[in-house]
Amino acid sequence: MLDLTFEPPKPKVIQGAKHDWELVIGLEVHAQVATNAKLFSGASTTFGAEPNSNVAFVDAGMPGMLPVINEACVAQAVRTGLGLKAAINLHSAFDRKNYFYPDLPQGYQISQLYHPIVGEGEVLVDMTPGVARIVRIERIHLEQDAGKSIHDMDPAMSFVDLNRTGVALMEIVSRPDIRGPEEAAAYVVKLRQIMRYLGTCDGNMQNGNLRADVNVSVCRPGDYERYQESQDFSHLGTRCEIKNMNSMRFIQAAIDHEARRQIAILEDGGTIDQETRLYDPDKGETRSMRSKEEAHDYRYFPCPDLLPLEIEQAWVDDIAASLPELPDAKKARFVADYGMTEYDASVLTAETENAAFFEAVAQGRDGKQAANWVINELFGRLNKEDLDITASPISAGQLGGILDLMAADAISGKIAKDLFEIVWSEGGDPAQIVEERGMKQVTDTGAIEAALDQIIADNPAQVEKAKVNPKLAGWFVGQVMKATGGKANPKAVNELVSQKLAT
């Protein structure tokens, strides 16, 4: 690992009518655990199934049905905790959170309030090269998801789909360490990236598999530092929670609007009510949903149907030994091994598939050149076509073949780009295409020299100008490349032009 030095980003400052204000943000991220079965039943977690087809008796709250813990869900939570450098609690327990939900048939949610499975950890959130925020994780607990109420299929009735009911969620609760909308979005991006590397959550926000509740408050400059010294939350102001955010863009917009709403109230002499709010993306504003409940409002008590969860350290150690190389370590290795910039390494490690594709291309080749082609040529074209790396028409082997031809001086950089387009559109072996279509660059200095001599003989006035102003030598290079159909070796052409014009 590289010893990278980071400085924290400055907090977001909003100018009110009377004062400057700073933001304080904490997030509760709900991540669907990547398993085939639900947390307490064997029902499928497949997305998009017919409504109410993935429902077991226990999910439907049938009398006498008892939950049975899914070991795979526990393993995924432990794996996530280890990936976030968090403490794993060998003893944890489940509680009942009692509240009415029309799409939660039991009438309560099985969660973990008092004894979560994962304790304190941290996430390094990169903002710009050399600038990062460490966000502390307070806890991760397992809980079951609710179903989905549908209100737009009939003007007089509502429908319920219980397919999601009982699906395992990891609720990842951060400390109030985030100081701006961009940081909040970057934090969710980093969490998603880590869990995708770990294989514990697919991070699909469109399907609701990753959602964030955003807690926002505002304070005066200096108050946050006083909170850090005393751990007195009163310095941070009263927070409001914005529920169920599933878009990075909306997270940022909602935070900005909510902060300005609170500032306007405070500067007008009012007080902030602690409440749960929803964000309306069409109006670009938050609106009140309900007063913010405290833990005692839910009448938590230990779940009588589930014994405390006891896991062994040896089991945790086995999971730790199977962890893949995580994003921060991979990025540092790419910088060290391939000599690329931190920015390029960030782009290449953003997704596991991207990193694997790059390493397949770079294997035994120039790392910087491989990075340049993967990022600029391949990713650029994929973005243009709205494709991801798994749908790339060009394989790592084909792109590597193009780089091999360039390294062997069989083709120039310009020909390589033409070849890239052919392989993208038609497929095939790059070396065979070059051979069959006569695309090899001309390396015979005799042929290049003959073409140059003819151009010099035909343009005596241009020769005299180039001798007075050497910058005009590029004109001759261009003419030779044109005369050879772009196949002349550019290095050889430049050397010959310099020699001829110097005599």
Protein backbone atom coordinates (compact mmCIF):
# COMPACT_ATOMS: atom_id res chain seq x y z
CA MET A 1 0.00 0.00 0.00
CA LEU A 2 1.10 3.53 -0.68
CA ASP A 3 1.44 5.94 2.21
CA LEU A 4 -1.01 8.51 0.87
CA THR A 5 -1.52 11.75 2.79
CA PHE A 6 -5.00 13.24 2.80
CA GLU A 7 -6.45 16.46 4.13
CA PRO A 8 -10.14 16.74 5.04
CA PRO A 9 -12.38 18.86 2.80
CA LYS A 10 -13.65 22.13 4.22
CA PRO A 11 -17.25 22.13 5.49
CA LYS A 12 -19.95 23.52 3.24
CA VAL A 13 -20.81 27.07 4.32
CA ILE A 14 -24.17 28.60 3.42
CA GLN A 15 -24.60 32.34 3.74
CA GLY A 16 -27.88 33.20 5.41
CA ALA A 17 -29.46 36.64 5.55
CA LYS A 18 -27.82 37.27 8.93
CA HIS A 19 -25.10 34.67 9.52
CA ASP A 20 -22.92 32.00 7.99
CA TRP A 21 -24.04 28.42 8.64
CA GLU A 22 -22.42 25.00 8.32
CA LEU A 23 -24.03 21.67 7.52
CA VAL A 24 -23.89 18.55 9.65
CA ILE A 25 -25.04 15.32 8.01
CA GLY A 26 -25.38 11.70 9.08
CA LEU A 27 -26.73 8.86 6.97
CA GLU A 28 -28.57 5.63 7.59
CA VAL A 29 -28.00 3.50 4.50
CA HIS A 30 -30.25 0.49 3.95
CA ALA A 31 -28.48 -2.09 1.82
CA GLN A 32 -30.27 -5.24 0.66
CA VAL A 33 -28.17 -8.26 1.54
CA ALA A 34 -27.12 -10.23 -1.53
CA THR A 35 -28.62 -13.66 -0.78
CA ASN A 36 -31.03 -15.96 -2.59
CA ALA A 37 -33.37 -16.28 0.39
CA LYS A 38 -34.87 -13.86 2.89
CA LEU A 39 -33.64 -13.13 6.42
CA PHE A 40 -36.06 -15.45 8.26
CA SER A 41 -37.58 -17.61 5.51
CA GLY A 42 -36.62 -19.57 2.43
CA ALA A 43 -38.66 -17.35 0.09
CA SER A 44 -36.83 -16.05 -2.98
CA THR A 45 -35.40 -12.53 -3.16
CA THR A 46 -35.55 -12.38 -6.99
CA PHE A 47 -36.51 -8.91 -8.19
CA GLY A 48 -39.38 -8.44 -10.63
CA ALA A 49 -41.34 -11.58 -9.78
CA GLU A 50 -45.13 -11.58 -9.98
CA PRO A 51 -46.63 -9.68 -7.01
CA ASN A 52 -46.94 -11.78 -3.85
CA SER A 53 -45.23 -14.79 -5.43
CA ASN A 54 -42.08 -14.66 -3.25
CA VAL A 55 -43.90 -14.93 0.07
CA ALA A 56 -43.53 -17.64 2.72
CA PHE A 57 -46.01 -18.15 5.57
CA VAL A 58 -43.73 -16.37 8.03
CA ASP A 59 -43.43 -13.36 5.67
CA ALA A 60 -47.21 -13.15 5.52
CA GLY A 61 -47.43 -13.11 9.32
CA MET A 62 -49.45 -16.33 9.52
CA PRO A 63 -50.23 -17.47 13.08
CA GLY A 64 -47.74 -19.90 14.57
CA MET A 65 -45.07 -19.30 11.95
CA LEU A 66 -41.65 -18.80 13.53
CA PRO A 67 -38.65 -17.06 11.96
CA VAL A 68 -35.44 -19.02 11.34
CA ILE A 69 -32.24 -17.02 10.84
CA ASN A 70 -30.55 -17.30 7.44
CA GLU A 71 -26.85 -17.97 8.10
CA ALA A 72 -25.86 -16.52 4.71
CA CYS A 73 -27.34 -13.15 5.72
CA VAL A 74 -25.30 -13.15 8.91
CA ALA A 75 -22.14 -14.01 6.97
CA GLN A 76 -22.77 -11.16 4.53
CA ALA A 77 -23.23 -8.67 7.39
CA VAL A 78 -19.97 -9.85 8.99
CA ARG A 79 -18.24 -9.60 5.62
CA THR A 80 -19.49 -6.04 5.19
CA GLY A 81 -18.34 -5.10 8.68
CA LEU A 82 -14.86 -6.46 8.01
CA GLY A 83 -14.73 -4.53 4.74
CA LEU A 84 -15.52 -1.33 6.66
CA LYS A 85 -12.81 -2.04 9.26
CA ALA A 86 -15.51 -2.44 11.87
CA ALA A 87 -15.72 -4.41 15.09
CA ILE A 88 -17.64 -7.68 14.77
CA ASN A 89 -19.79 -8.48 17.77
CA LEU A 90 -19.67 -12.18 18.55
CA HIS A 91 -22.86 -11.72 20.59
CA SER A 92 -25.84 -9.92 19.06
CA ALA A 93 -29.59 -10.15 19.40
CA PHE A 94 -32.82 -9.33 17.59
CA ASP A 95 -35.57 -7.02 18.83
CA ARG A 96 -39.13 -6.32 17.82
CA LYS A 97 -39.82 -2.80 16.58
CA ASN A 98 -43.55 -2.34 16.97
CA TYR A 99 -45.42 -0.03 14.62
CA PHE A 100 -48.30 -0.24 12.19
CA TYR A 101 -47.30 -0.74 8.59
CA PRO A 102 -49.94 -1.85 6.07
CA ASP A 103 -47.30 -3.79 4.12
CA LEU A 104 -45.69 -5.47 7.16
CA PRO A 105 -48.19 -8.21 8.06
CA GLN A 106 -46.56 -9.15 11.40
CA GLY A 107 -47.34 -5.71 12.79
CA TYR A 108 -43.72 -5.37 13.90
CA GLN A 109 -40.28 -5.39 12.32
CA ILE A 110 -37.53 -7.71 13.53
CA SER A 111 -34.42 -5.56 13.85
CA GLN A 112 -31.42 -5.06 16.14
CA LEU A 113 -31.46 -2.04 18.44
CA TYR A 114 -29.56 -2.94 21.59
CA HIS A 115 -27.05 -5.51 20.33
CA PRO A 116 -26.14 -5.02 16.63
CA ILE A 117 -24.01 -7.55 14.82
CA VAL A 118 -21.39 -4.95 13.73
CA GLY A 119 -19.93 -2.15 15.81
CA GLU A 120 -17.79 0.88 15.00
CA GLY A 121 -15.92 1.17 11.71
CA GLU A 122 -14.91 3.79 9.16
CA VAL A 123 -15.01 4.71 5.48
CA LEU A 124 -12.43 6.79 3.64
CA VAL A 125 -14.39 9.01 1.23
CA ASP A 126 -12.29 10.43 -1.60
CA MET A 127 -13.34 13.88 -2.78
CA THR A 128 -10.46 14.99 -5.01
CA PRO A 129 -6.88 13.67 -5.28
CA GLY A 130 -5.29 14.21 -1.88
CA VAL A 131 -8.56 15.33 -0.25
CA ALA A 132 -10.67 12.80 1.66
CA ARG A 133 -13.04 12.57 4.60
CA ILE A 134 -13.01 9.75 7.14
CA VAL A 135 -16.62 9.00 8.02
CA ARG A 136 -17.07 6.94 11.16
CA ILE A 137 -19.55 4.07 11.15
CA GLU A 138 -21.50 3.79 14.40
CA ARG A 139 -23.06 0.38 13.75
CA ILE A 140 -24.48 -2.05 11.22
CA HIS A 141 -27.52 -4.06 12.15
CA LEU A 142 -29.63 -6.64 10.35
CA GLU A 143 -33.36 -6.17 9.89
CA GLN A 144 -36.18 -7.27 7.63
CA ASP A 145 -37.62 -5.07 4.89
CA ALA A 146 -41.29 -4.19 4.53
CA GLY A 147 -43.45 -4.80 1.48
CA LYS A 148 -44.74 -2.24 -0.99
CA SER A 149 -48.08 -0.45 -1.03
CA ILE A 150 -49.37 0.50 -4.49
CA HIS A 151 -51.81 3.40 -4.73
CA ASP A 152 -51.92 4.23 -8.45
CA MET A 153 -53.57 1.11 -9.94
CA ASP A 154 -57.13 1.92 -8.86
CA PRO A 155 -58.81 5.22 -7.92
CA ALA A 156 -60.58 3.69 -4.92
CA MET A 157 -58.31 0.94 -3.66
CA SER A 158 -54.71 0.34 -2.64
CA PHE A 159 -52.83 -2.89 -3.33
CA VAL A 160 -49.97 -4.53 -1.48
CA ASP A 161 -47.03 -6.57 -2.79
CA LEU A 162 -45.30 -8.59 -0.08
CA ASN A 163 -42.41 -9.84 -2.23
CA ARG A 164 -39.93 -7.57 -0.40
CA THR A 165 -41.37 -8.36 3.03
CA GLY A 166 -38.70 -10.15 5.06
CA VAL A 167 -35.85 -9.41 2.65
CA ALA A 168 -32.65 -8.93 4.66
CA LEU A 169 -31.35 -5.38 5.01
CA MET A 170 -28.13 -4.08 6.52
CA GLU A 171 -28.69 -0.67 8.06
CA ILE A 172 -25.35 1.14 8.08
CA VAL A 173 -25.49 4.08 10.47
CA SER A 174 -22.85 6.79 10.22
CA ARG A 175 -21.74 9.36 12.75
CA PRO A 176 -22.56 13.02 11.94
CA ASP A 177 -19.20 13.42 10.21
CA ILE A 178 -20.36 14.54 6.75
CA ARG A 179 -20.20 18.28 6.12
CA GLY A 180 -21.69 18.87 2.69
CA PRO A 181 -24.06 17.51 -0.01
CA GLU A 182 -21.22 16.38 -2.28
CA GLU A 183 -19.60 14.50 0.60
CA ALA A 184 -22.89 12.76 1.39
CA ALA A 185 -23.25 11.53 -2.18
CA ALA A 186 -19.58 10.52 -2.31
CA TYR A 187 -20.02 8.57 0.95
CA VAL A 188 -22.93 6.58 -0.48
CA VAL A 189 -20.93 5.96 -3.68
CA LYS A 190 -17.99 4.66 -1.64
CA LEU A 191 -20.21 2.41 0.51
CA ARG A 192 -21.82 1.03 -2.63
CA GLN A 193 -18.41 0.43 -4.21
CA ILE A 194 -17.07 -1.43 -1.16
CA MET A 195 -20.17 -3.64 -0.87
CA ARG A 196 -20.07 -4.45 -4.59
CA TYR A 197 -16.41 -5.46 -4.25
CA LEU A 198 -17.37 -7.62 -1.27
CA GLY A 199 -20.38 -9.09 -3.06
CA THR A 200 -22.66 -8.29 -0.12
CA CYS A 201 -25.05 -5.88 -1.91
CA ASP A 202 -25.50 -5.24 -5.62
CA GLY A 203 -26.09 -1.53 -4.97
CA ASN A 204 -28.97 -1.28 -7.45
CA MET A 205 -30.68 1.93 -6.38
CA GLN A 206 -33.31 1.74 -9.13
CA ASN A 207 -34.63 -1.51 -7.67
CA GLY A 208 -34.55 -0.14 -4.13
CA ASN A 209 -31.65 -2.38 -3.10
CA LEU A 210 -29.74 0.62 -1.73
CA ARG A 211 -31.56 3.51 -0.06
CA ALA A 212 -30.46 6.27 2.28
CA ASP A 213 -32.17 8.18 5.06
CA VAL A 214 -30.36 11.51 5.36
CA ASN A 215 -30.20 13.40 8.68
CA VAL A 216 -29.55 17.12 8.19
CA SER A 217 -28.94 19.91 10.67
CA VAL A 218 -27.20 23.29 10.57
CA CYS A 219 -24.92 24.98 13.08
CA ARG A 220 -22.85 28.13 13.34
CA PRO A 221 -19.12 28.00 12.43
CA GLY A 222 -17.15 26.62 15.39
CA ASP A 223 -20.07 24.65 16.86
CA TYR A 224 -19.00 21.41 15.20
CA GLU A 225 -15.55 21.68 16.75
CA ARG A 226 -17.21 22.22 20.14
CA TYR A 227 -19.26 19.04 19.56
CA GLN A 228 -16.09 17.09 18.77
CA GLU A 229 -14.50 18.23 22.02
CA SER A 230 -17.51 17.57 24.23
CA GLN A 231 -19.56 15.01 22.24
CA ASP A 232 -22.54 17.20 23.16
CA PHE A 233 -24.99 16.85 20.26
CA SER A 234 -26.77 20.07 21.21
CA HIS A 235 -24.01 21.97 19.43
CA LEU A 236 -25.11 20.44 16.13
CA GLY A 237 -28.65 21.78 16.04
CA THR A 238 -31.92 19.85 15.69
CA ARG A 239 -31.85 17.36 12.83
CA CYS A 240 -34.49 16.40 10.34
CA GLU A 241 -34.48 13.07 8.52
CA ILE A 242 -35.17 12.82 4.79
CA LYS A 243 -36.43 9.31 4.04
CA ASN A 244 -35.76 6.81 1.26
CA MET A 245 -33.35 8.62 -1.02
CA ASN A 246 -32.32 6.47 -3.99
CA SER A 247 -30.40 8.90 -6.21
CA MET A 248 -27.06 10.63 -5.66
CA ARG A 249 -28.37 13.73 -7.42
CA PHE A 250 -31.51 13.83 -5.29
CA ILE A 251 -29.49 13.31 -2.10
CA GLN A 252 -27.47 16.43 -2.86
CA ALA A 253 -30.49 18.50 -3.89
CA ALA A 254 -32.52 17.43 -0.85
CA ILE A 255 -29.70 18.29 1.58
CA ASP A 256 -29.19 21.71 0.04
CA HIS A 257 -32.90 22.55 0.15
CA GLU A 258 -33.39 21.22 3.68
CA ALA A 259 -30.39 23.16 5.01
CA ARG A 260 -31.67 26.41 3.51
CA ARG A 261 -35.16 25.73 4.88
CA GLN A 262 -33.77 25.30 8.38
CA ILE A 263 -31.57 28.38 8.11
CA ALA A 264 -34.53 30.52 7.05
CA ILE A 265 -36.57 29.33 10.06
CA LEU A 266 -33.73 29.89 12.54
CA GLU A 267 -32.87 33.36 11.25
CA ASP A 268 -36.54 34.29 11.49
CA GLY A 269 -36.45 33.41 15.21
CA GLY A 270 -38.15 30.03 14.89
CA THR A 271 -37.11 26.56 16.03
CA ILE A 272 -36.58 23.36 14.10
CA ASP A 273 -38.93 20.48 14.88
CA GLN A 274 -37.27 17.08 14.79
CA GLU A 275 -39.25 15.27 12.15
CA THR A 276 -39.17 12.90 9.21
CA ARG A 277 -39.51 14.53 5.81
CA LEU A 278 -39.82 13.42 2.19
CA TYR A 279 -38.10 14.97 -0.83
CA ASP A 280 -40.22 15.94 -3.81
CA PRO A 281 -37.89 15.93 -6.85
CA ASP A 282 -40.52 17.57 -9.08
CA LYS A 283 -40.80 20.60 -6.79
CA GLY A 284 -37.21 20.40 -5.51
CA GLU A 285 -38.30 20.64 -1.89
CA THR A 286 -38.78 18.60 1.26
CA ARG A 287 -42.12 18.29 3.04
CA SER A 288 -43.13 17.02 6.46
CA MET A 289 -44.07 13.34 6.74
CA ARG A 290 -44.36 12.76 10.50
CA SER A 291 -42.75 13.79 13.77
CA LYS A 292 -39.45 11.98 14.35
CA GLU A 293 -39.96 9.05 16.63
CA GLU A 294 -37.48 8.03 19.29
CA ALA A 295 -36.63 4.43 20.14
CA HIS A 296 -39.10 4.30 23.02
CA ASP A 297 -41.94 5.25 20.66
CA TYR A 298 -41.53 1.91 18.91
CA ARG A 299 -41.78 -0.11 22.15
CA TYR A 300 -38.69 -2.19 21.35
CA PHE A 301 -38.28 -5.42 23.25
CA PRO A 302 -36.16 -8.57 22.67
CA CYS A 303 -37.69 -10.81 20.00
CA PRO A 304 -39.06 -13.85 21.86
CA ASP A 305 -38.91 -16.04 18.75
CA LEU A 306 -35.15 -15.77 18.21
CA LEU A 307 -32.33 -16.76 20.52
CA PRO A 308 -29.37 -14.37 20.85
CA LEU A 309 -26.97 -14.77 17.97
CA GLU A 310 -23.64 -16.26 19.03
CA ILE A 311 -20.87 -16.56 16.45
CA GLU A 312 -17.33 -17.88 16.80
CA GLN A 313 -14.17 -15.87 16.19
CA ALA A 314 -12.78 -18.68 14.02
CA TRP A 315 -15.79 -18.30 11.69
CA VAL A 316 -15.20 -14.55 11.49
CA ASP A 317 -11.51 -15.18 10.77
CA ASP A 318 -12.42 -17.53 7.91
CA ILE A 319 -14.60 -14.81 6.38
CA ALA A 320 -11.83 -12.24 6.83
CA ALA A 321 -9.37 -14.53 5.04
CA SER A 322 -11.69 -14.71 2.02
CA LEU A 323 -12.07 -10.94 1.55
CA PRO A 324 -11.06 -9.64 -1.89
CA GLU A 325 -8.70 -6.73 -2.47
CA LEU A 326 -10.83 -3.69 -1.63
CA PRO A 327 -11.02 -0.40 -3.58
CA ASP A 328 -8.55 1.67 -1.53
CA ALA A 329 -5.91 -1.06 -1.59
CA LYS A 330 -6.43 -1.73 -5.29
CA LYS A 331 -6.21 1.97 -6.16
CA ALA A 332 -2.96 2.34 -4.21
CA ARG A 333 -1.55 -0.75 -5.93
CA PHE A 334 -2.48 0.56 -9.39
CA VAL A 335 -0.67 3.83 -8.65
CA ALA A 336 2.42 1.97 -7.40
CA ASP A 337 2.56 -0.88 -9.92
CA TYR A 338 1.48 0.86 -13.09
CA GLY A 339 2.79 4.38 -12.46
CA MET A 340 -0.59 5.98 -13.16
CA THR A 341 -2.15 9.02 -11.51
CA GLU A 342 -4.44 8.69 -8.51
CA TYR A 343 -7.30 9.98 -10.67
CA ASP A 344 -6.78 7.30 -13.34
CA ALA A 345 -6.55 4.65 -10.63
CA SER A 346 -9.87 5.90 -9.17
CA VAL A 347 -11.57 5.60 -12.56
CA LEU A 348 -10.23 2.11 -13.16
CA THR A 349 -11.16 0.79 -9.70
CA ALA A 350 -14.64 2.36 -9.55
CA GLU A 351 -16.16 -1.04 -10.39
CA THR A 352 -14.69 -4.49 -9.92
CA GLU A 353 -15.39 -5.35 -13.57
CA ASN A 354 -13.51 -2.25 -14.76
CA ALA A 355 -10.47 -3.10 -12.66
CA ALA A 356 -10.42 -6.72 -13.82
CA PHE A 357 -10.70 -5.69 -17.47
CA PHE A 358 -7.83 -3.20 -17.12
CA GLU A 359 -5.54 -5.72 -15.43
CA ALA A 360 -6.22 -8.24 -18.18
CA VAL A 361 -5.22 -5.62 -20.76
CA ALA A 362 -2.18 -4.42 -18.79
CA GLN A 363 -0.80 -7.91 -18.10
CA GLY A 364 2.75 -7.93 -19.49
CA ARG A 365 2.28 -4.57 -21.20
CA ASP A 366 2.94 -0.89 -20.50
CA GLY A 367 0.56 0.01 -17.65
CA LYS A 368 0.28 3.71 -18.49
CA GLN A 369 -0.52 3.02 -22.12
CA ALA A 370 -3.05 0.35 -21.15
CA ALA A 371 -4.73 2.77 -18.71
CA ASN A 372 -4.85 5.49 -21.36
CA TRP A 373 -6.53 3.22 -23.89
CA VAL A 374 -8.98 1.68 -21.43
CA ILE A 375 -10.03 5.03 -19.97
CA ASN A 376 -10.01 7.28 -23.02
CA GLU A 377 -10.80 5.01 -25.95
CA LEU A 378 -12.79 2.14 -24.44
CA PHE A 379 -14.64 3.88 -21.59
CA GLY A 380 -15.22 6.91 -23.78
CA ARG A 381 -16.89 4.77 -26.43
CA LEU A 382 -18.84 2.75 -23.87
CA ASN A 383 -20.21 5.96 -22.34
CA LYS A 384 -21.16 7.25 -25.77
CA GLU A 385 -23.05 4.04 -26.50
CA ASP A 386 -24.51 3.89 -22.95
CA LEU A 387 -22.93 0.49 -22.29
CA ASP A 388 -21.06 -0.90 -19.30
CA ILE A 389 -17.86 -2.94 -19.41
CA THR A 390 -19.72 -6.25 -19.32
CA ALA A 391 -21.34 -5.38 -22.68
CA SER A 392 -18.13 -4.20 -24.37
CA PRO A 393 -17.87 -5.41 -28.01
CA ILE A 394 -14.08 -5.39 -27.56
CA SER A 395 -12.58 -7.95 -25.20
CA ALA A 396 -9.50 -7.39 -23.05
CA GLY A 397 -7.62 -9.78 -25.32
CA GLN A 398 -8.52 -7.81 -28.45
CA LEU A 399 -7.55 -4.47 -26.91
CA GLY A 400 -4.32 -6.01 -25.65
CA GLY A 401 -3.68 -7.23 -29.19
CA ILE A 402 -3.96 -3.68 -30.52
CA LEU A 403 -1.44 -2.49 -27.92
CA ASP A 404 0.91 -5.35 -28.89
CA LEU A 405 0.83 -4.25 -32.52
CA MET A 406 1.70 -0.69 -31.48
CA ALA A 407 4.54 -1.91 -29.25
CA ALA A 408 5.97 -3.94 -32.16
CA ASP A 409 5.80 -0.84 -34.42
CA ALA A 410 3.45 -2.78 -36.71
CA ILE A 411 0.90 0.07 -36.54
CA SER A 412 0.98 3.71 -35.53
CA GLY A 413 -1.26 5.35 -32.94
CA LYS A 414 -3.51 6.69 -35.70
CA ILE A 415 -3.84 3.28 -37.34
CA ALA A 416 -4.51 1.79 -33.90
CA LYS A 417 -7.56 4.04 -33.49
CA ASP A 418 -8.82 3.00 -36.94
CA LEU A 419 -8.24 -0.62 -35.97
CA PHE A 420 -10.13 -0.08 -32.70
CA GLU A 421 -13.18 1.07 -34.67
CA ILE A 422 -13.00 -1.98 -36.95
CA VAL A 423 -12.76 -4.41 -34.02
CA TRP A 424 -15.56 -2.56 -32.18
CA SER A 425 -17.89 -2.82 -35.18
CA GLU A 426 -16.87 -6.11 -36.76
CA GLY A 427 -14.88 -8.06 -34.16
CA GLY A 428 -12.01 -10.29 -35.16
CA ASP A 429 -8.32 -10.73 -34.38
CA PRO A 430 -6.49 -7.36 -34.58
CA ALA A 431 -3.29 -8.88 -36.00
CA GLN A 432 -5.19 -10.73 -38.71
CA ILE A 433 -7.17 -7.60 -39.62
CA VAL A 434 -3.97 -5.58 -39.99
CA GLU A 435 -2.43 -8.25 -42.20
CA GLU A 436 -5.46 -8.82 -44.42
CA ARG A 437 -6.26 -5.13 -44.92
CA GLY A 438 -2.72 -3.93 -45.45
CA MET A 439 -2.74 -1.67 -42.42
CA LYS A 440 0.86 -2.23 -41.34
CA GLN A 441 2.82 0.96 -41.00
CA VAL A 442 5.72 1.59 -43.35
CA THR A 443 9.01 1.15 -41.51
CA ASP A 444 11.17 0.92 -44.63
CA THR A 445 13.19 4.15 -44.38
CA GLY A 446 14.00 3.90 -48.05
CA ALA A 447 10.34 4.15 -49.05
CA ILE A 448 9.75 6.98 -46.57
CA GLU A 449 12.83 8.83 -47.78
CA ALA A 450 11.72 8.51 -51.42
CA ALA A 451 8.33 10.03 -50.58
CA LEU A 452 9.98 12.86 -48.63
CA ASP A 453 12.49 13.62 -51.40
CA GLN A 454 9.65 13.98 -53.88
CA ILE A 455 7.77 16.37 -51.56
CA ILE A 456 10.91 18.46 -51.02
CA ALA A 457 11.57 18.62 -54.77
CA ASP A 458 7.99 19.74 -55.45
CA ASN A 459 8.00 22.48 -52.76
CA PRO A 460 11.31 24.43 -52.81
CA ALA A 461 9.72 27.60 -51.40
CA GLN A 462 8.33 25.69 -48.43
CA VAL A 463 11.79 24.19 -47.85
CA GLU A 464 13.36 27.64 -47.57
CA LYS A 465 10.70 28.79 -45.15
CA ALA A 466 11.19 25.69 -42.98
CA LYS A 467 14.95 26.30 -42.82
CA VAL A 468 14.29 29.81 -41.49
CA ASN A 469 11.47 28.66 -39.18
CA PRO A 470 11.98 25.03 -38.01
CA LYS A 471 8.41 24.91 -36.68
CA LEU A 472 7.24 24.61 -40.30
CA ALA A 473 8.90 21.18 -40.54
CA GLY A 474 5.64 19.68 -39.33
CA TRP A 475 4.12 20.48 -42.72
CA PHE A 476 6.51 18.02 -44.38
CA VAL A 477 5.71 15.35 -41.78
CA GLY A 478 2.02 15.74 -42.56
CA GLN A 479 2.63 15.52 -46.29
CA VAL A 480 4.65 12.31 -45.95
CA MET A 481 1.94 10.75 -43.78
CA LYS A 482 -0.64 11.76 -46.38
CA ALA A 483 1.45 10.35 -49.22
CA THR A 484 1.83 7.00 -47.43
CA GLY A 485 -1.82 6.74 -46.43
CA GLY A 486 -0.94 7.36 -42.78
CA LYS A 487 1.13 4.19 -42.68
CA ALA A 488 4.60 5.71 -42.34
CA ASN A 489 6.30 5.31 -39.00
CA PRO A 490 5.90 8.78 -37.44
CA LYS A 491 9.21 8.55 -35.57
CA ALA A 492 11.11 7.67 -38.74
CA VAL A 493 9.40 10.46 -40.66
CA ASN A 494 10.29 13.09 -38.07
CA GLU A 495 13.93 11.97 -38.00
CA LEU A 496 14.25 12.07 -41.79
CA VAL A 497 12.57 15.47 -42.07
CA SER A 498 14.98 16.89 -39.47
CA GLN A 499 17.95 15.46 -41.36
CA LYS A 500 16.83 16.65 -44.80
CA LEU A 501 15.95 20.18 -43.76
CA ALA A 502 19.22 20.59 -41.84
CA THR A 503 21.31 19.98 -44.98
